[in-house]
Protein backbone atom coordinates (compact mmCIF):
# COMPACT_ATOMS: atom_id res chain seq x y z
CA MET A 1 84.08 -78.37 -35.80
CA SER A 2 87.41 -77.70 -37.47
CA ALA A 3 88.37 -74.45 -39.11
CA ALA A 4 88.35 -76.06 -42.48
CA SER A 5 84.88 -77.46 -42.14
CA ALA A 6 83.57 -74.25 -40.69
CA SER A 7 85.09 -72.27 -43.50
CA HIS A 8 83.44 -74.42 -46.16
CA SER A 9 79.94 -74.18 -44.71
CA PRO A 10 77.45 -72.63 -47.12
CA ALA A 11 76.93 -68.91 -46.85
CA SER A 12 73.71 -67.68 -45.38
CA ALA A 13 71.17 -65.97 -47.55
CA GLU A 14 71.99 -62.74 -45.79
CA ASP A 15 75.55 -62.88 -47.10
CA LYS A 16 74.24 -62.47 -50.65
CA GLY A 17 72.87 -58.97 -49.99
CA SER A 18 74.96 -55.91 -50.75
CA ILE A 19 77.17 -54.86 -47.88
CA LEU A 20 76.85 -51.25 -49.13
CA LYS A 21 73.12 -51.01 -48.43
CA GLN A 22 73.30 -49.90 -44.80
CA PRO A 23 71.50 -47.39 -42.57
CA ARG A 24 73.07 -43.96 -42.18
CA ALA A 25 73.86 -44.79 -38.54
CA VAL A 26 76.18 -47.60 -39.67
CA TRP A 27 78.03 -45.30 -42.07
CA ALA A 28 78.34 -42.61 -39.39
CA VAL A 29 79.98 -45.04 -36.97
CA ALA A 30 82.11 -46.55 -39.75
CA PHE A 31 83.37 -43.07 -40.71
CA ALA A 32 84.26 -42.38 -37.08
CA CYS A 33 86.06 -45.76 -37.01
CA VAL A 34 88.18 -44.71 -39.98
CA ILE A 35 89.23 -41.49 -38.23
CA SER A 36 89.82 -43.28 -34.93
CA PHE A 37 92.17 -45.80 -36.51
CA MET A 38 93.92 -43.02 -38.41
CA GLY A 39 95.21 -41.94 -35.00
CA LEU A 40 97.17 -45.19 -34.71
CA GLY A 41 99.53 -44.46 -37.60
CA LEU A 42 99.20 -40.70 -37.58
CA VAL A 43 102.43 -40.05 -35.68
CA ASP A 44 104.64 -42.45 -37.66
CA PRO A 45 105.79 -39.97 -40.34
CA ILE A 46 106.36 -37.17 -37.78
CA LEU A 47 108.29 -39.09 -35.12
CA THR A 48 111.65 -37.75 -36.26
CA SER A 49 110.22 -34.22 -36.66
CA ILE A 50 108.92 -34.25 -33.08
CA ALA A 51 112.24 -35.64 -31.82
CA ALA A 52 114.25 -32.98 -33.67
CA ASP A 53 112.01 -30.04 -32.77
CA LEU A 54 111.62 -30.97 -29.10
CA HIS A 55 115.16 -32.35 -28.63
CA ALA A 56 114.02 -35.86 -27.73
CA THR A 57 115.40 -39.36 -28.29
CA ALA A 58 113.74 -42.27 -30.07
CA GLY A 59 112.94 -43.78 -26.67
CA ASP A 60 111.29 -40.55 -25.51
CA VAL A 61 109.16 -40.27 -28.64
CA SER A 62 108.14 -43.95 -28.45
CA LEU A 63 106.18 -42.99 -25.34
CA LEU A 64 103.60 -41.43 -27.69
CA PHE A 65 102.63 -45.02 -28.50
CA THR A 66 103.18 -46.39 -24.99
CA SER A 67 101.02 -43.93 -23.07
CA TYR A 68 98.25 -44.24 -25.66
CA LEU A 69 98.27 -48.04 -25.56
CA VAL A 70 98.66 -48.49 -21.80
CA VAL A 71 95.63 -46.30 -21.09
CA THR A 72 93.68 -47.99 -23.90
CA ALA A 73 94.49 -51.40 -22.39
CA VAL A 74 93.46 -50.51 -18.85
CA ALA A 75 90.36 -48.66 -20.02
CA MET A 76 89.19 -51.79 -21.83
CA LEU A 77 88.29 -53.16 -18.41
CA ILE A 78 85.79 -50.37 -17.76
CA THR A 79 84.22 -49.92 -21.19
CA GLY A 80 81.64 -52.65 -20.63
CA TRP A 81 80.87 -51.23 -17.20
CA VAL A 82 80.37 -47.77 -18.70
CA SER A 83 78.31 -48.78 -21.73
CA SER A 84 76.03 -51.02 -19.68
CA ARG A 85 75.15 -48.00 -17.54
CA ILE A 86 74.94 -45.04 -19.91
CA GLY A 87 74.18 -46.91 -23.13
CA VAL A 88 76.16 -47.50 -26.30
CA LYS A 89 75.41 -44.19 -28.02
CA TRP A 90 76.63 -42.02 -25.15
CA THR A 91 79.69 -44.23 -24.66
CA LEU A 92 80.58 -43.63 -28.31
CA VAL A 93 79.93 -39.90 -27.98
CA ALA A 94 82.05 -39.67 -24.82
CA GLY A 95 84.94 -41.47 -26.51
CA LEU A 96 84.76 -39.29 -29.61
CA ALA A 97 84.59 -36.09 -27.55
CA ILE A 98 87.70 -37.07 -25.57
CA ILE A 99 89.60 -37.80 -28.79
CA VAL A 100 88.59 -34.44 -30.32
CA VAL A 101 89.73 -32.46 -27.29
CA PHE A 102 92.98 -34.25 -26.54
CA SER A 103 94.19 -34.66 -30.12
CA ALA A 104 93.94 -30.85 -30.31
CA VAL A 105 95.66 -30.51 -26.92
CA GLY A 106 98.50 -32.71 -28.22
CA GLY A 107 99.04 -30.27 -31.07
CA LEU A 108 99.36 -27.38 -28.61
CA MET A 109 102.04 -28.98 -26.44
CA ASN A 110 105.64 -27.74 -26.42
CA SER A 111 107.26 -30.78 -24.85
CA VAL A 112 107.30 -34.52 -25.49
CA GLY A 113 105.97 -35.03 -21.97
CA GLY A 114 102.97 -32.88 -22.76
CA ILE A 115 102.22 -34.76 -25.97
CA VAL A 116 102.63 -38.09 -24.15
CA ALA A 117 100.10 -36.97 -21.51
CA ALA A 118 97.63 -35.83 -24.18
CA ARG A 119 98.04 -39.13 -26.01
CA ALA A 120 97.32 -40.98 -22.77
CA VAL A 121 93.93 -39.30 -22.34
CA TRP A 122 93.36 -39.78 -26.08
CA GLY A 123 93.81 -43.51 -25.35
CA LEU A 124 90.91 -43.40 -22.89
CA GLY A 125 88.65 -41.95 -25.58
CA ASN A 126 89.95 -44.50 -28.05
CA ALA A 127 89.08 -47.38 -25.71
CA LEU A 128 85.55 -46.11 -25.09
CA PHE A 129 85.01 -45.72 -28.81
CA ILE A 130 86.54 -48.88 -30.28
CA ALA A 131 85.09 -51.08 -27.54
CA THR A 132 81.58 -50.16 -28.65
CA SER A 133 81.92 -49.31 -32.34
CA LEU A 134 82.13 -52.93 -33.53
CA ALA A 135 79.19 -53.83 -31.29
CA THR A 136 77.16 -50.99 -32.80
CA ILE A 137 78.01 -51.94 -36.38
CA VAL A 138 77.19 -55.60 -35.68
CA THR A 139 73.83 -54.66 -34.19
CA LEU A 140 72.73 -52.15 -36.85
CA THR A 141 74.17 -53.68 -40.04
CA GLN A 142 71.57 -55.05 -42.44
CA GLY A 143 73.03 -58.45 -43.27
CA SER A 144 75.00 -61.18 -41.57
CA LEU A 145 77.42 -60.96 -38.69
CA LYS A 146 80.16 -61.87 -41.16
CA GLN A 147 79.32 -58.83 -43.29
CA ALA A 148 79.27 -56.59 -40.21
CA ILE A 149 82.75 -57.73 -39.18
CA LEU A 150 83.92 -57.23 -42.78
CA LEU A 151 82.57 -53.67 -42.74
CA TYR A 152 84.36 -52.96 -39.47
CA GLU A 153 87.64 -54.47 -40.72
CA SER A 154 87.32 -52.33 -43.86
CA ALA A 155 87.03 -49.18 -41.75
CA LEU A 156 90.00 -50.32 -39.67
CA GLY A 157 92.16 -50.96 -42.72
CA ILE A 158 91.22 -47.70 -44.44
CA GLY A 159 91.90 -45.74 -41.25
CA ILE A 160 95.28 -47.36 -40.67
CA GLY A 161 96.16 -46.72 -44.32
CA LEU A 162 95.07 -43.08 -44.32
CA GLY A 163 96.67 -42.18 -40.98
CA PRO A 164 100.28 -42.15 -42.19
CA ILE A 165 99.54 -40.30 -45.44
CA VAL A 166 97.51 -37.62 -43.63
CA GLY A 167 100.18 -37.36 -40.95
CA GLY A 168 102.93 -37.21 -43.55
CA GLN A 169 101.33 -34.55 -45.74
CA LEU A 170 100.23 -32.31 -42.87
CA GLY A 171 103.53 -32.86 -41.10
CA GLU A 172 105.53 -31.92 -44.17
CA HIS A 173 103.55 -28.81 -45.15
CA ILE A 174 102.29 -27.53 -41.79
CA GLY A 175 104.62 -29.08 -39.24
CA TRP A 176 104.27 -31.90 -36.76
CA ARG A 177 101.36 -30.13 -35.01
CA GLY A 178 99.20 -30.26 -38.14
CA PRO A 179 98.23 -33.96 -37.93
CA PHE A 180 96.97 -33.56 -34.36
CA PHE A 181 94.68 -30.68 -35.34
CA GLY A 182 93.61 -32.53 -38.49
CA VAL A 183 92.39 -35.54 -36.50
CA ALA A 184 90.55 -33.22 -34.08
CA VAL A 185 88.61 -31.65 -36.96
CA LEU A 186 87.81 -34.95 -38.69
CA MET A 187 86.77 -36.64 -35.45
CA ALA A 188 84.53 -33.68 -34.62
CA ILE A 189 82.71 -34.38 -37.91
CA GLY A 190 82.37 -38.02 -36.86
CA LEU A 191 81.04 -36.91 -33.48
CA VAL A 192 78.34 -34.73 -35.06
CA ALA A 193 77.37 -37.52 -37.49
CA THR A 194 77.08 -40.00 -34.63
CA LEU A 195 74.88 -37.63 -32.63
CA ILE A 196 72.59 -37.03 -35.59
CA PHE A 197 72.31 -40.46 -37.21
CA LEU A 198 72.83 -43.02 -34.42
CA PRO A 199 69.54 -43.82 -32.65
CA GLN A 200 69.40 -44.07 -28.89
CA THR A 201 69.96 -47.69 -27.88
CA PRO A 202 68.42 -49.29 -24.79
CA LYS A 203 70.67 -50.04 -21.86
CA PRO A 204 71.38 -53.75 -21.38
CA GLU A 205 69.32 -55.46 -18.69
CA THR A 206 72.46 -57.00 -17.16
CA LYS A 207 75.19 -54.61 -16.02
CA THR A 208 78.78 -55.66 -16.70
CA SER A 209 81.31 -55.88 -13.88
CA VAL A 210 84.82 -54.46 -14.19
CA ALA A 211 86.14 -57.81 -12.95
CA ASP A 212 84.41 -59.89 -15.64
CA PRO A 213 87.23 -59.58 -18.25
CA ILE A 214 89.85 -60.54 -15.67
CA ARG A 215 87.84 -63.58 -14.60
CA ALA A 216 87.44 -64.57 -18.25
CA LEU A 217 91.21 -65.01 -18.53
CA ARG A 218 90.91 -68.08 -16.32
CA HIS A 219 89.77 -69.95 -19.42
CA PRO A 220 92.91 -71.48 -21.00
CA GLY A 221 91.88 -70.85 -24.61
CA LEU A 222 91.30 -67.12 -24.11
CA LEU A 223 94.46 -66.79 -22.03
CA VAL A 224 96.62 -68.50 -24.67
CA VAL A 225 95.28 -66.38 -27.54
CA SER A 226 95.56 -63.17 -25.48
CA VAL A 227 99.17 -63.78 -24.39
CA ALA A 228 100.14 -64.77 -27.93
CA ALA A 229 98.56 -61.52 -29.15
CA LEU A 230 100.57 -59.62 -26.51
CA PHE A 231 103.85 -60.89 -27.99
CA TYR A 232 102.60 -60.41 -31.54
CA ASN A 233 101.71 -56.78 -30.81
CA PHE A 234 105.21 -56.27 -29.47
CA GLY A 235 106.45 -56.95 -32.99
CA PHE A 236 103.64 -54.91 -34.60
CA PHE A 237 104.59 -51.77 -32.69
CA THR A 238 108.30 -52.43 -33.12
CA LEU A 239 107.68 -51.87 -36.82
CA MET A 240 105.59 -48.75 -36.23
CA ALA A 241 107.91 -47.15 -33.67
CA VAL A 242 111.28 -47.92 -35.26
CA ALA A 243 110.87 -48.12 -39.06
CA PRO A 244 110.61 -44.33 -39.65
CA TYR A 245 114.07 -43.71 -38.18
CA PRO A 246 116.29 -45.65 -40.60
CA LEU A 247 114.19 -44.19 -43.43
CA GLN A 248 114.54 -40.56 -42.38
CA LEU A 249 118.01 -40.46 -40.81
CA GLY A 250 121.36 -40.37 -42.57
CA SER A 251 121.60 -39.70 -46.28
CA THR A 252 118.37 -41.39 -47.37
CA HIS A 253 116.42 -38.09 -47.63
CA PHE A 254 113.03 -39.58 -46.80
CA ASP A 255 110.96 -36.71 -45.42
CA ALA A 256 107.68 -36.92 -43.47
CA ALA A 257 105.59 -37.01 -46.65
CA ASP A 258 107.73 -39.80 -48.16
CA THR A 259 107.44 -41.84 -44.97
CA GLY A 260 103.70 -41.23 -45.00
CA TRP A 261 103.46 -42.75 -48.48
CA VAL A 262 105.46 -45.80 -47.35
CA PHE A 263 103.09 -46.44 -44.45
CA PHE A 264 100.13 -45.68 -46.69
CA GLY A 265 101.24 -48.63 -48.81
CA TRP A 266 101.58 -50.65 -45.64
CA GLY A 267 98.04 -49.71 -44.62
CA LEU A 268 96.61 -50.57 -48.04
CA ALA A 269 98.28 -53.99 -47.87
CA LEU A 270 96.90 -54.50 -44.38
CA ALA A 271 93.40 -53.45 -45.49
CA PHE A 272 93.50 -55.75 -48.52
CA THR A 273 94.29 -58.90 -46.57
CA SER A 274 92.03 -57.90 -43.67
CA ILE A 275 89.07 -57.75 -46.03
CA TRP A 276 89.86 -60.44 -48.61
CA GLY A 277 93.13 -62.26 -47.97
CA ALA A 278 92.40 -63.53 -44.47
CA ASN A 279 89.12 -65.22 -45.45
CA TRP A 280 90.69 -66.77 -48.55
CA LEU A 281 93.67 -68.14 -46.60
CA ASP A 282 91.42 -69.38 -43.79
CA ARG A 283 89.38 -71.37 -46.31
CA ALA A 284 92.53 -72.68 -48.00
CA VAL A 285 94.60 -73.83 -45.00
CA GLY A 286 92.38 -73.37 -41.94
CA THR A 287 92.51 -70.84 -39.12
CA PHE A 288 95.62 -72.20 -37.45
CA GLY A 289 97.47 -72.57 -40.74
CA ALA A 290 96.66 -68.95 -41.62
CA ILE A 291 98.09 -67.76 -38.30
CA VAL A 292 101.30 -69.76 -38.79
CA ILE A 293 101.83 -68.35 -42.29
CA ALA A 294 101.07 -64.78 -41.19
CA MET A 295 103.34 -64.83 -38.14
CA LEU A 296 106.23 -66.50 -39.95
CA GLY A 297 105.90 -64.00 -42.80
CA PHE A 298 105.83 -61.03 -40.44
CA ALA A 299 108.82 -62.33 -38.48
CA ALA A 300 110.74 -62.73 -41.75
CA CYS A 301 109.95 -59.11 -42.69
CA LEU A 302 111.23 -57.81 -39.34
CA ALA A 303 114.40 -59.89 -39.64
CA ALA A 304 115.03 -58.57 -43.16
CA MET A 305 114.55 -54.99 -41.95
CA GLY A 306 117.30 -55.65 -39.43
CA VAL A 307 119.56 -56.63 -42.33
CA PHE A 308 118.65 -53.56 -44.40
CA ALA A 309 118.82 -51.03 -41.53
CA PRO A 310 121.91 -48.78 -41.31
CA ASP A 311 124.35 -48.76 -38.42
CA ASN A 312 123.35 -46.04 -35.94
CA ALA A 313 126.94 -44.93 -35.72
CA ASP A 314 127.16 -44.35 -39.48
CA PRO A 315 126.17 -40.72 -40.15
CA THR A 316 126.01 -41.32 -43.90
CA GLY A 317 123.22 -43.87 -43.56
CA THR A 318 124.71 -46.71 -45.60
CA GLY A 319 121.71 -48.96 -45.04
CA ARG A 320 119.37 -49.95 -47.81
CA PRO A 321 116.23 -47.84 -47.31
CA TRP A 322 114.36 -49.30 -50.27
CA GLY A 323 114.75 -52.74 -48.73
CA ILE A 324 113.06 -51.40 -45.60
CA VAL A 325 110.31 -49.83 -47.71
CA VAL A 326 109.55 -53.16 -49.37
CA CYS A 327 109.60 -55.01 -46.03
CA VAL A 328 107.25 -52.51 -44.39
CA ILE A 329 104.69 -52.85 -47.20
CA VAL A 330 104.95 -56.64 -47.43
CA ALA A 331 104.58 -56.88 -43.64
CA GLY A 332 101.20 -55.18 -44.05
CA PHE A 333 99.88 -58.20 -45.95
CA PHE A 334 100.79 -60.56 -43.12
CA LEU A 335 99.53 -58.20 -40.42
CA GLY A 336 96.12 -57.89 -42.08
CA ILE A 337 95.75 -61.66 -42.12
CA ASN A 338 96.84 -62.07 -38.51
CA ASN A 339 94.68 -59.24 -37.14
CA THR A 340 91.51 -60.61 -38.74
CA VAL A 341 92.15 -64.27 -37.91
CA LEU A 342 93.07 -63.57 -34.29
CA THR A 343 89.97 -61.39 -33.87
CA THR A 344 87.85 -64.25 -35.24
CA LEU A 345 89.65 -66.81 -33.10
CA VAL A 346 89.17 -64.96 -29.83
CA MET A 347 85.38 -64.83 -30.30
CA GLY A 348 85.12 -68.55 -29.56
CA ALA A 349 88.07 -68.86 -27.20
CA ALA A 350 86.04 -69.00 -23.97
CA PRO A 351 82.45 -69.78 -22.89
CA VAL A 352 81.80 -66.17 -21.87
CA PRO A 353 79.84 -63.35 -23.54
CA ARG A 354 81.59 -62.00 -26.60
CA PRO A 355 82.05 -58.48 -25.16
CA VAL A 356 83.73 -59.88 -22.05
CA ALA A 357 86.09 -62.11 -24.03
CA SER A 358 86.96 -59.22 -26.35
CA ALA A 359 87.64 -56.81 -23.48
CA ALA A 360 89.91 -59.36 -21.78
CA TYR A 361 91.77 -59.99 -25.04
CA SER A 362 92.21 -56.28 -25.78
CA PHE A 363 93.35 -55.58 -22.22
CA VAL A 364 96.23 -58.05 -22.58
CA ARG A 365 97.23 -57.42 -26.19
CA PHE A 366 97.44 -53.63 -25.96
CA PHE A 367 100.04 -54.01 -23.23
CA GLY A 368 102.16 -55.89 -25.75
CA GLY A 369 102.05 -52.88 -28.07
CA ALA A 370 102.82 -50.47 -25.22
CA VAL A 371 105.85 -52.44 -24.05
CA GLY A 372 106.99 -53.20 -27.59
CA ALA A 373 106.97 -49.56 -28.71
CA TYR A 374 108.93 -48.39 -25.67
CA VAL A 375 111.48 -51.23 -25.52
CA ALA A 376 112.06 -51.15 -29.29
CA GLY A 377 112.46 -47.36 -29.13
CA LYS A 378 115.09 -47.62 -26.39
CA VAL A 379 116.98 -50.37 -28.23
CA ALA A 380 116.81 -48.32 -31.45
CA GLU A 381 118.70 -45.50 -29.72
CA HIS A 382 121.72 -47.82 -29.88
CA THR A 383 121.00 -50.19 -32.75
CA PHE A 384 118.25 -50.23 -35.36
CA GLN A 385 119.22 -53.74 -36.35
CA GLY A 386 118.89 -55.01 -32.79
CA ALA A 387 115.43 -53.49 -32.39
CA PHE A 388 114.13 -55.28 -35.49
CA TRP A 389 115.75 -58.59 -34.54
CA LEU A 390 114.33 -58.35 -31.02
CA GLY A 391 110.88 -57.88 -32.55
CA THR A 392 111.48 -60.92 -34.76
CA GLY A 393 112.24 -63.09 -31.75
CA ILE A 394 109.21 -61.90 -29.80
CA VAL A 395 106.85 -62.64 -32.72
CA LEU A 396 108.29 -66.16 -32.94
CA VAL A 397 107.58 -66.57 -29.21
CA ALA A 398 103.95 -65.71 -29.94
CA LEU A 399 103.80 -68.40 -32.61
CA LEU A 400 105.52 -70.93 -30.33
CA LEU A 401 102.93 -70.33 -27.61
CA LEU A 402 100.08 -71.03 -30.01
CA VAL A 403 101.79 -74.19 -31.29
CA VAL A 404 102.59 -75.58 -27.83
CA PHE A 405 99.15 -74.82 -26.36
CA ARG A 406 97.13 -75.41 -29.51
CA ARG A 407 94.93 -77.99 -27.77
CA PHE A 408 93.35 -75.22 -25.68
CA VAL A 409 92.40 -73.09 -28.68
CA VAL A 410 89.17 -73.77 -30.59
CA THR A 411 89.96 -72.90 -34.21
CA THR A 412 86.48 -72.35 -35.53
CA SER A 413 85.64 -69.56 -37.93
CA ALA A 414 83.25 -66.79 -36.95
CA PRO A 415 79.59 -67.66 -37.51
CA THR A 416 78.13 -66.30 -40.72
CA HIS A 417 75.08 -65.00 -38.95
CA GLY A 418 73.98 -64.43 -35.38
CA SER A 419 70.78 -64.70 -33.44
CA VAL A 420 68.97 -61.79 -31.91
CA GLU A 421 70.29 -62.84 -28.52
CA GLU A 422 73.87 -62.83 -29.84
CA ALA A 423 73.43 -59.35 -31.32
CA GLU A 424 72.07 -58.02 -28.04
CA GLY A 425 74.98 -59.59 -26.19
CA VAL A 426 77.54 -57.95 -28.47
CA LEU A 427 75.91 -54.58 -27.90
CA VAL A 428 77.45 -54.27 -24.44
CA GLY A 429 80.79 -53.52 -26.07
CA ASP A 430 83.01 -55.54 -28.35
CA ALA A 431 86.50 -54.58 -29.45
CA ASP A 432 88.63 -55.28 -32.41
């Protein structure tokens, strides 16, 4: 069935119920999701503050993303193994506890290396949490699978939007350590709520192997989507790791709080299209058409940022910061579309259980973010323009891969509702 035909299928009766009428357990996990995804953009407004205070370069500070993402990627391979043995609830609790401890540890460090190490362990907690949070929401949500995914995407978008503004405000008024402690406190609240409201879930009858996600990549469709997502995430984290520098350096006078507001706008744009824009565009032009539009739009934003960025050698900062501001926010619209559509696409990319396909996909794509943040950070030490244009090229490579190998990718939309068996299968541990 084509994307277009799938998109125009009638909605299930469950879709007509209110998405807001959910058990407290769903809201507890959703709240923790918001805080977890805040950690993604938390450090953006304080990158230059950390670099200045700890005498580090852009490449050094980019390791805050790289260590976090590398560990998250590798840990995706073990999340199913863990949750199938100790159960979903205790996997969530373990992930949240690790985030609480090591976000606080990051705020206590006096060197970039120390913060990078704390962020690495934070990545382990992040993997354990995000790999099971969607599964939990899908299982416990009263309504359709489509509504459950929408609720999860809403939490993701809100978290990504709030992260920069919280990081910017705390960074400006307390210092760069403030955001780390702030996340520790908020995540501790999420941990307590999860312990109180989330019921104990039975362990799956079938235990997941660590090798299952790797074996799943033998399916061409899943491999194509995963590798394309790897290149796409290179561009995504190029924006996150590099954009704060041309805004805050030179004579532009953007402080941490200002940068936080810029990325807050970016997060709102991302949340808007994640929740509403992606579904509308999917219905209008089909899944593949939505991906093409989103990737071309994002690549255009990165290329324009290269034009607006100042020359590193120019101490007066003669770039056009407001052009970068506009590009960052507009890029959020395209990123929201692409994130949602790729997540939907990967669910039917291989004839394997949804948790296994998702773990394999996340394992590959997070490496793209890890490499992208580090490489873009190193290039940005010499040329901001070059870093943005490199990201542009890599995103176009992602699109080219999908176009060339399109025949392997099944572009069906996510089902509007799932069976009991499907819900139980997702419970092992799905990821965004």
